Amino acid sequence: MELGKLIFIVAVVVIVLILILFPEARKLLSGFTRLFIKDMATTPEGAEAIYEEKIDQAQESYNKADNAYKIAAGKLSNAQKDLDRKRKRLINVEAECESLVKTNQIELKAEEREEILSDIRRVTGLVNAYKEATDAAKETQERCEKNLRSLKRESKEVVENMKVKKQLQEVYDDMDELKNVTATDKLLDSVRDKNRDLDAIVEGSKVVHNNKMSTKLEKAEAEAKKNNSNDYLNSLKKKYNK
């Protein structure tokens, strides 16, 4: 035997022994099982599996009830046929008794008549009993069939509803995630703030530069040179009538 299989068998045996020897372990396992089933029932897949298990049980109950109904109905039918035959036989025997009364041979047929009457009473009791059993079996079969149909319909509605709601929940969760501020969003905000600060620094530097005395003097000198150049050009144009 392979080592892996041997270890698995030993582990199973140990677990079984623990469950047998320690009732607390059984309670703990039962608690974990209930929690697992409860958690399983919150998902569409888990709910579908639970419904399938319950539907299988309902199907088995229906099959048993249907089989019992068939057996009871069959026994009732056979008992009724037997009763009809005995009643017909009674009519024939009584007719024979009337024909034999003249020959003093009626004693044998009279005894047969009593036996037939006894059988009729017995079979009549069976017919009544089988009729009650058939009615009860029919009622049980119809109830099981109704329950089975109801479970199948409910399973389809509930599981489909859970699937749709789960999809909607995922959509809303995705939308919420889009609203959440991530680390990247925070870094991007820092970049934007820094960019605005740089714009302000540049604008401030520009204002400071323009307000400096040296900058004003440079602008005045440049303006004077421009004016002198323009005056020279204008005098040349007037001289040559341009």
C-alpha atoms as a PDB file:
ATOM      1  CA  MET A   1       0.000   0.000   0.000  1.00  0.00           C
ATOM      2  CA  GLU A   2       1.241   3.482  -0.874  1.00  0.00           C
ATOM      3  CA  LEU A   3       2.364   5.695   1.999  1.00  0.00           C
ATOM      4  CA  GLY A   4      -0.108   8.446   1.098  1.00  0.00           C
ATOM      5  CA  LYS A   5      -3.101   6.088   1.212  1.00  0.00           C
ATOM      6  CA  LEU A   6      -1.887   4.577   4.480  1.00  0.00           C
ATOM      7  CA  ILE A   7      -1.587   8.026   6.090  1.00  0.00           C
ATOM      8  CA  PHE A   8      -5.075   8.946   4.885  1.00  0.00           C
ATOM      9  CA  ILE A   9      -6.599   5.747   6.316  1.00  0.00           C
ATOM     10  CA  VAL A  10      -4.818   6.265   9.648  1.00  0.00           C
ATOM     11  CA  ALA A  11      -6.045   9.873   9.813  1.00  0.00           C
ATOM     12  CA  VAL A  12      -9.648   8.795   9.130  1.00  0.00           C
ATOM     13  CA  VAL A  13      -9.442   6.089  11.823  1.00  0.00           C
ATOM     14  CA  VAL A  14      -8.024   8.564  14.353  1.00  0.00           C
ATOM     15  CA  ILE A  15     -10.780  11.099  13.610  1.00  0.00           C
ATOM     16  CA  VAL A  16     -13.481   8.441  13.975  1.00  0.00           C
ATOM     17  CA  LEU A  17     -12.000   7.271  17.298  1.00  0.00           C
ATOM     18  CA  ILE A  18     -11.885  10.856  18.585  1.00  0.00           C
ATOM     19  CA  LEU A  19     -15.528  11.386  17.656  1.00  0.00           C
ATOM     20  CA  ILE A  20     -16.501   8.115  19.377  1.00  0.00           C
ATOM     21  CA  LEU A  21     -14.476   8.642  22.562  1.00  0.00           C
ATOM     22  CA  PHE A  22     -15.068  12.362  23.065  1.00  0.00           C
ATOM     23  CA  PRO A  23     -18.659  13.686  22.891  1.00  0.00           C
ATOM     24  CA  GLU A  24     -17.316  17.246  22.991  1.00  0.00           C
ATOM     25  CA  ALA A  25     -15.568  16.630  19.687  1.00  0.00           C
ATOM     26  CA  ARG A  26     -18.853  15.507  18.147  1.00  0.00           C
ATOM     27  CA  LYS A  27     -20.573  18.656  19.396  1.00  0.00           C
ATOM     28  CA  LEU A  28     -17.728  20.798  18.044  1.00  0.00           C
ATOM     29  CA  LEU A  29     -17.872  19.077  14.674  1.00  0.00           C
ATOM     30  CA  SER A  30     -21.646  19.472  14.634  1.00  0.00           C
ATOM     31  CA  GLY A  31     -21.236  23.181  15.358  1.00  0.00           C
ATOM     32  CA  PHE A  32     -18.719  23.617  12.552  1.00  0.00           C
ATOM     33  CA  THR A  33     -21.037  21.708  10.226  1.00  0.00           C
ATOM     34  CA  ARG A  34     -23.969  23.974  11.078  1.00  0.00           C
ATOM     35  CA  LEU A  35     -21.840  27.071  10.539  1.00  0.00           C
ATOM     36  CA  PHE A  36     -20.627  25.716   7.199  1.00  0.00           C
ATOM     37  CA  ILE A  37     -24.169  24.936   6.060  1.00  0.00           C
ATOM     38  CA  LYS A  38     -25.394  28.333   7.252  1.00  0.00           C
ATOM     39  CA  ASP A  39     -22.611  30.104   5.364  1.00  0.00           C
ATOM     40  CA  MET A  40     -23.222  27.885   2.360  1.00  0.00           C
ATOM     41  CA  ALA A  41     -26.897  28.873   2.317  1.00  0.00           C
ATOM     42  CA  THR A  42     -25.977  32.546   1.757  1.00  0.00           C
ATOM     43  CA  THR A  43     -24.639  31.896  -1.763  1.00  0.00           C
ATOM     44  CA  PRO A  44     -26.713  31.019  -4.858  1.00  0.00           C
ATOM     45  CA  GLU A  45     -24.620  27.895  -5.439  1.00  0.00           C
ATOM     46  CA  GLY A  46     -25.042  26.757  -1.836  1.00  0.00           C
ATOM     47  CA  ALA A  47     -28.764  27.478  -1.840  1.00  0.00           C
ATOM     48  CA  GLU A  48     -29.157  25.533  -5.078  1.00  0.00           C
ATOM     49  CA  ALA A  49     -27.333  22.531  -3.581  1.00  0.00           C
ATOM     50  CA  ILE A  50     -29.512  22.628  -0.449  1.00  0.00           C
ATOM     51  CA  TYR A  51     -32.674  22.844  -2.534  1.00  0.00           C
ATOM     52  CA  GLU A  52     -31.515  19.920  -4.673  1.00  0.00           C
ATOM     53  CA  GLU A  53     -30.973  17.838  -1.540  1.00  0.00           C
ATOM     54  CA  LYS A  54     -34.431  18.728  -0.230  1.00  0.00           C
ATOM     55  CA  ILE A  55     -36.025  18.054  -3.626  1.00  0.00           C
ATOM     56  CA  ASP A  56     -34.358  14.633  -3.724  1.00  0.00           C
ATOM     57  CA  GLN A  57     -35.864  13.870  -0.307  1.00  0.00           C
ATOM     58  CA  ALA A  58     -39.286  15.079  -1.448  1.00  0.00           C
ATOM     59  CA  GLN A  59     -38.972  13.005  -4.622  1.00  0.00           C
ATOM     60  CA  GLU A  60     -38.162   9.922  -2.563  1.00  0.00           C
ATOM     61  CA  SER A  61     -41.171  10.551  -0.298  1.00  0.00           C
ATOM     62  CA  TYR A  62     -43.395  10.990  -3.340  1.00  0.00           C
ATOM     63  CA  ASN A  63     -42.127   7.753  -4.892  1.00  0.00           C
ATOM     64  CA  LYS A  64     -42.882   5.843  -1.685  1.00  0.00           C
ATOM     65  CA  ALA A  65     -46.347   7.381  -1.391  1.00  0.00           C
ATOM     66  CA  ASP A  66     -47.091   6.720  -5.049  1.00  0.00           C
ATOM     67  CA  ASN A  67     -45.978   3.102  -4.710  1.00  0.00           C
ATOM     68  CA  ALA A  68     -48.098   2.643  -1.568  1.00  0.00           C
ATOM     69  CA  TYR A  69     -51.079   4.141  -3.398  1.00  0.00           C
ATOM     70  CA  LYS A  70     -50.637   1.749  -6.318  1.00  0.00           C
ATOM     71  CA  ILE A  71     -50.350  -1.272  -4.026  1.00  0.00           C
ATOM     72  CA  ALA A  72     -53.420  -0.266  -1.994  1.00  0.00           C
ATOM     73  CA  ALA A  73     -55.440   0.448  -5.136  1.00  0.00           C
ATOM     74  CA  GLY A  74     -54.393  -2.910  -6.618  1.00  0.00           C
ATOM     75  CA  LYS A  75     -55.376  -4.843  -3.476  1.00  0.00           C
ATOM     76  CA  LEU A  76     -58.702  -2.999  -3.363  1.00  0.00           C
ATOM     77  CA  SER A  77     -59.421  -3.840  -6.984  1.00  0.00           C
ATOM     78  CA  ASN A  78     -58.573  -7.529  -6.450  1.00  0.00           C
ATOM     79  CA  ALA A  79     -60.704  -7.704  -3.272  1.00  0.00           C
ATOM     80  CA  GLN A  80     -63.669  -6.107  -5.062  1.00  0.00           C
ATOM     81  CA  LYS A  81     -63.377  -8.611  -7.911  1.00  0.00           C
ATOM     82  CA  ASP A  82     -63.180 -11.464  -5.397  1.00  0.00           C
ATOM     83  CA  LEU A  83     -66.261 -10.110  -3.613  1.00  0.00           C
ATOM     84  CA  ASP A  84     -68.176  -9.915  -6.894  1.00  0.00           C
ATOM     85  CA  ARG A  85     -67.299 -13.518  -7.705  1.00  0.00           C
ATOM     86  CA  LYS A  86     -68.436 -14.731  -4.292  1.00  0.00           C
ATOM     87  CA  ARG A  87     -71.711 -12.826  -4.548  1.00  0.00           C
ATOM     88  CA  LYS A  88     -72.380 -14.384  -7.927  1.00  0.00           C
ATOM     89  CA  ARG A  89     -71.520 -17.783  -6.501  1.00  0.00           C
ATOM     90  CA  LEU A  90     -73.946 -17.163  -3.636  1.00  0.00           C
ATOM     91  CA  ILE A  91     -76.741 -16.427  -6.097  1.00  0.00           C
ATOM     92  CA  ASN A  92     -76.023 -19.661  -7.945  1.00  0.00           C
ATOM     93  CA  VAL A  93     -75.843 -21.738  -4.753  1.00  0.00           C
ATOM     94  CA  GLU A  94     -79.118 -20.305  -3.455  1.00  0.00           C
ATOM     95  CA  ALA A  95     -80.738 -21.156  -6.783  1.00  0.00           C
ATOM     96  CA  GLU A  96     -79.423 -24.707  -6.485  1.00  0.00           C
ATOM     97  CA  CYS A  97     -80.743 -24.912  -2.919  1.00  0.00           C
ATOM     98  CA  GLU A  98     -84.232 -24.109  -4.139  1.00  0.00           C
ATOM     99  CA  SER A  99     -84.060 -26.877  -6.744  1.00  0.00           C
ATOM    100  CA  LEU A 100     -82.668 -29.418  -4.259  1.00  0.00           C
ATOM    101  CA  VAL A 101     -85.136 -28.741  -1.457  1.00  0.00           C
ATOM    102  CA  LYS A 102     -87.628 -31.111  -3.093  1.00  0.00           C
ATOM    103  CA  THR A 103     -85.139 -34.029  -3.044  1.00  0.00           C
ATOM    104  CA  ASN A 104     -83.988 -33.487   0.533  1.00  0.00           C
ATOM    105  CA  GLN A 105     -80.362 -32.873  -0.597  1.00  0.00           C
ATOM    106  CA  ILE A 106     -80.260 -29.262   0.464  1.00  0.00           C
ATOM    107  CA  GLU A 107     -77.964 -29.856   3.465  1.00  0.00           C
ATOM    108  CA  LEU A 108     -74.745 -29.921   1.414  1.00  0.00           C
ATOM    109  CA  LYS A 109     -75.579 -26.769  -0.519  1.00  0.00           C
ATOM    110  CA  ALA A 110     -76.750 -25.047   2.642  1.00  0.00           C
ATOM    111  CA  GLU A 111     -73.366 -25.657   4.222  1.00  0.00           C
ATOM    112  CA  GLU A 112     -71.628 -24.317   1.105  1.00  0.00           C
ATOM    113  CA  ARG A 113     -73.899 -21.281   1.276  1.00  0.00           C
ATOM    114  CA  GLU A 114     -72.802 -20.572   4.841  1.00  0.00           C
ATOM    115  CA  GLU A 115     -69.156 -20.802   3.811  1.00  0.00           C
ATOM    116  CA  ILE A 116     -69.757 -18.386   0.964  1.00  0.00           C
ATOM    117  CA  LEU A 117     -71.534 -15.956   3.282  1.00  0.00           C
ATOM    118  CA  SER A 118     -68.596 -16.157   5.685  1.00  0.00           C
ATOM    119  CA  ASP A 119     -66.179 -15.423   2.814  1.00  0.00           C
ATOM    120  CA  ILE A 120     -68.333 -12.505   1.679  1.00  0.00           C
ATOM    121  CA  ARG A 121     -68.246 -10.983   5.166  1.00  0.00           C
ATOM    122  CA  ARG A 122     -64.473 -11.463   5.331  1.00  0.00           C
ATOM    123  CA  VAL A 123     -63.815 -10.023   1.885  1.00  0.00           C
ATOM    124  CA  THR A 124     -66.202  -7.145   2.525  1.00  0.00           C
ATOM    125  CA  GLY A 125     -64.094  -6.246   5.550  1.00  0.00           C
ATOM    126  CA  LEU A 126     -60.973  -6.395   3.393  1.00  0.00           C
ATOM    127  CA  VAL A 127     -62.584  -4.168   0.761  1.00  0.00           C
ATOM    128  CA  ASN A 128     -63.458  -1.559   3.388  1.00  0.00           C
ATOM    129  CA  ALA A 129     -59.947  -1.701   4.864  1.00  0.00           C
ATOM    130  CA  TYR A 130     -58.296  -1.454   1.436  1.00  0.00           C
ATOM    131  CA  LYS A 131     -60.613   1.428   0.524  1.00  0.00           C
ATOM    132  CA  GLU A 132     -59.523   3.377   3.613  1.00  0.00           C
ATOM    133  CA  ALA A 133     -55.866   2.574   2.887  1.00  0.00           C
ATOM    134  CA  THR A 134     -56.287   3.621  -0.747  1.00  0.00           C
ATOM    135  CA  ASP A 135     -57.886   6.931   0.209  1.00  0.00           C
ATOM    136  CA  ALA A 136     -55.142   7.627   2.760  1.00  0.00           C
ATOM    137  CA  ALA A 137     -52.403   6.667   0.289  1.00  0.00           C
ATOM    138  CA  LYS A 138     -53.983   8.826  -2.421  1.00  0.00           C
ATOM    139  CA  GLU A 139     -54.135  11.797  -0.052  1.00  0.00           C
ATOM    140  CA  THR A 140     -50.486  11.299   0.957  1.00  0.00           C
ATOM    141  CA  GLN A 141     -49.411  10.897  -2.651  1.00  0.00           C
ATOM    142  CA  GLU A 142     -51.173  14.113  -3.680  1.00  0.00           C
ATOM    143  CA  ARG A 143     -49.665  15.991  -0.731  1.00  0.00           C
ATOM    144  CA  CYS A 144     -46.159  14.742  -1.572  1.00  0.00           C
ATOM    145  CA  GLU A 145     -46.638  15.653  -5.230  1.00  0.00           C
ATOM    146  CA  LYS A 146     -47.822  19.148  -4.277  1.00  0.00           C
ATOM    147  CA  ASN A 147     -44.841  19.583  -1.953  1.00  0.00           C
ATOM    148  CA  LEU A 148     -42.445  18.386  -4.656  1.00  0.00           C
ATOM    149  CA  ARG A 149     -43.834  20.815  -7.230  1.00  0.00           C
ATOM    150  CA  SER A 150     -43.762  23.650  -4.697  1.00  0.00           C
ATOM    151  CA  LEU A 151     -40.115  22.964  -3.818  1.00  0.00           C
ATOM    152  CA  LYS A 152     -39.064  22.889  -7.466  1.00  0.00           C
ATOM    153  CA  ARG A 153     -40.845  26.168  -8.160  1.00  0.00           C
ATOM    154  CA  GLU A 154     -39.490  27.815  -5.005  1.00  0.00           C
ATOM    155  CA  SER A 155     -35.968  26.591  -5.764  1.00  0.00           C
ATOM    156  CA  LYS A 156     -36.055  28.126  -9.216  1.00  0.00           C
ATOM    157  CA  GLU A 157     -37.407  31.453  -7.948  1.00  0.00           C
ATOM    158  CA  VAL A 158     -35.128  31.770  -4.905  1.00  0.00           C
ATOM    159  CA  VAL A 159     -31.898  30.679  -6.595  1.00  0.00           C
ATOM    160  CA  GLU A 160     -32.528  32.902  -9.619  1.00  0.00           C
ATOM    161  CA  ASN A 161     -33.317  35.849  -7.324  1.00  0.00           C
ATOM    162  CA  MET A 162     -30.121  35.247  -5.320  1.00  0.00           C
ATOM    163  CA  LYS A 163     -28.052  35.138  -8.524  1.00  0.00           C
ATOM    164  CA  VAL A 164     -29.519  38.428  -9.739  1.00  0.00           C
ATOM    165  CA  LYS A 165     -29.068  40.104  -6.348  1.00  0.00           C
ATOM    166  CA  LYS A 166     -25.475  38.875  -6.149  1.00  0.00           C
ATOM    167  CA  GLN A 167     -24.733  40.358  -9.581  1.00  0.00           C
ATOM    168  CA  LEU A 168     -26.315  43.673  -8.558  1.00  0.00           C
ATOM    169  CA  GLN A 169     -24.307  43.665  -5.331  1.00  0.00           C
ATOM    170  CA  GLU A 170     -21.105  43.179  -7.332  1.00  0.00           C
ATOM    171  CA  VAL A 171     -22.070  46.088  -9.592  1.00  0.00           C
ATOM    172  CA  TYR A 172     -22.700  48.374  -6.613  1.00  0.00           C
ATOM    173  CA  ASP A 173     -19.495  47.214  -4.930  1.00  0.00           C
ATOM    174  CA  ASP A 174     -17.564  48.069  -8.096  1.00  0.00           C
ATOM    175  CA  MET A 175     -19.191  51.501  -8.135  1.00  0.00           C
ATOM    176  CA  ASP A 176     -18.214  52.037  -4.491  1.00  0.00           C
ATOM    177  CA  GLU A 177     -14.648  51.021  -5.269  1.00  0.00           C
ATOM    178  CA  LEU A 178     -14.538  53.672  -7.986  1.00  0.00           C
ATOM    179  CA  LYS A 179     -15.471  56.268  -5.353  1.00  0.00           C
ATOM    180  CA  ASN A 180     -12.818  55.153  -2.905  1.00  0.00           C
ATOM    181  CA  VAL A 181      -9.666  57.293  -2.571  1.00  0.00           C
ATOM    182  CA  THR A 182      -6.611  55.171  -3.291  1.00  0.00           C
ATOM    183  CA  ALA A 183      -2.955  55.852  -2.553  1.00  0.00           C
ATOM    184  CA  THR A 184      -2.478  56.808  -6.202  1.00  0.00           C
ATOM    185  CA  ASP A 185      -5.331  59.316  -5.934  1.00  0.00           C
ATOM    186  CA  LYS A 186      -3.601  60.911  -2.945  1.00  0.00           C
ATOM    187  CA  LEU A 187      -0.294  61.109  -4.839  1.00  0.00           C
ATOM    188  CA  LEU A 188      -2.086  62.651  -7.798  1.00  0.00           C
ATOM    189  CA  ASP A 189      -3.644  65.277  -5.514  1.00  0.00           C
ATOM    190  CA  SER A 190      -0.162  66.069  -4.204  1.00  0.00           C
ATOM    191  CA  VAL A 191       1.091  66.517  -7.774  1.00  0.00           C
ATOM    192  CA  ARG A 192      -1.793  68.868  -8.544  1.00  0.00           C
ATOM    193  CA  ASP A 193      -1.167  70.883  -5.375  1.00  0.00           C
ATOM    194  CA  LYS A 194       2.537  71.136  -6.200  1.00  0.00           C
ATOM    195  CA  ASN A 195       1.748  72.265  -9.719  1.00  0.00           C
ATOM    196  CA  ARG A 196      -0.509  75.025  -8.389  1.00  0.00           C
ATOM    197  CA  ASP A 197       2.216  76.047  -5.921  1.00  0.00           C
ATOM    198  CA  LEU A 198       4.757  76.241  -8.737  1.00  0.00           C
ATOM    199  CA  ASP A 199       2.398  78.446 -10.767  1.00  0.00           C
ATOM    200  CA  ALA A 200       2.048  80.746  -7.781  1.00  0.00           C
ATOM    201  CA  ILE A 201       5.830  80.808  -7.194  1.00  0.00           C
ATOM    202  CA  VAL A 202       6.511  81.677 -10.842  1.00  0.00           C
ATOM    203  CA  GLU A 203       3.883  84.439 -10.802  1.00  0.00           C
ATOM    204  CA  GLY A 204       5.336  85.794  -7.559  1.00  0.00           C
ATOM    205  CA  SER A 205       8.869  85.707  -8.928  1.00  0.00           C
ATOM    206  CA  LYS A 206       7.696  87.556 -12.001  1.00  0.00           C
ATOM    207  CA  VAL A 207       6.094  90.297  -9.899  1.00  0.00           C
ATOM    208  CA  VAL A 208       9.206  90.622  -7.723  1.00  0.00           C
ATOM    209  CA  HIS A 209      11.424  90.782 -10.788  1.00  0.00           C
ATOM    210  CA  ASN A 210       9.342  93.514 -12.389  1.00  0.00           C
ATOM    211  CA  ASN A 211       9.334  95.553  -9.200  1.00  0.00           C
ATOM    212  CA  LYS A 212      13.113  95.535  -8.787  1.00  0.00           C
ATOM    213  CA  MET A 213      14.904  98.913  -9.455  1.00  0.00           C
ATOM    214  CA  SER A 214      17.465  97.319 -11.750  1.00  0.00           C
ATOM    215  CA  THR A 215      14.716  95.811 -13.859  1.00  0.00           C
ATOM    216  CA  LYS A 216      12.957  99.175 -14.134  1.00  0.00           C
ATOM    217  CA  LEU A 217      16.209 100.897 -15.170  1.00  0.00           C
ATOM    218  CA  GLU A 218      16.882  98.270 -17.793  1.00  0.00           C
ATOM    219  CA  LYS A 219      13.394  98.745 -19.219  1.00  0.00           C
ATOM    220  CA  ALA A 220      13.827 102.544 -19.235  1.00  0.00           C
ATOM    221  CA  GLU A 221      17.157 102.300 -21.048  1.00  0.00           C
ATOM    222  CA  ALA A 222      15.715  99.917 -23.581  1.00  0.00           C
ATOM    223  CA  GLU A 223      12.753 102.240 -24.135  1.00  0.00           C
ATOM    224  CA  ALA A 224      15.102 105.240 -24.588  1.00  0.00           C
ATOM    225  CA  LYS A 225      17.231 103.417 -27.113  1.00  0.00           C
ATOM    226  CA  LYS A 226      14.112 102.429 -28.995  1.00  0.00           C
ATOM    227  CA  ASN A 227      12.859 106.037 -29.031  1.00  0.00           C
ATOM    228  CA  ASN A 228      16.254 107.400 -30.222  1.00  0.00           C
ATOM    229  CA  SER A 229      16.317 104.864 -33.001  1.00  0.00           C
ATOM    230  CA  ASN A 230      12.806 105.779 -34.027  1.00  0.00           C
ATOM    231  CA  ASP A 231      13.684 109.528 -34.039  1.00  0.00           C
ATOM    232  CA  TYR A 232      16.715 108.880 -36.257  1.00  0.00           C
ATOM    233  CA  LEU A 233      14.664 106.880 -38.702  1.00  0.00           C
ATOM    234  CA  ASN A 234      11.981 109.565 -38.860  1.00  0.00           C
ATOM    235  CA  SER A 235      14.543 112.313 -39.568  1.00  0.00           C
ATOM    236  CA  LEU A 236      15.991 110.310 -42.475  1.00  0.00           C
ATOM    237  CA  LYS A 237      12.521 109.793 -43.947  1.00  0.00           C
ATOM    238  CA  LYS A 238      11.791 113.538 -43.778  1.00  0.00           C
ATOM    239  CA  LYS A 239      15.152 114.380 -45.371  1.00  0.00           C
ATOM    240  CA  TYR A 240      14.534 112.209 -48.396  1.00  0.00           C
ATOM    241  CA  ASN A 241      10.814 112.681 -48.468  1.00  0.00           C
ATOM    242  CA  LYS A 242      10.088 109.077 -47.742  1.00  0.00           C
END
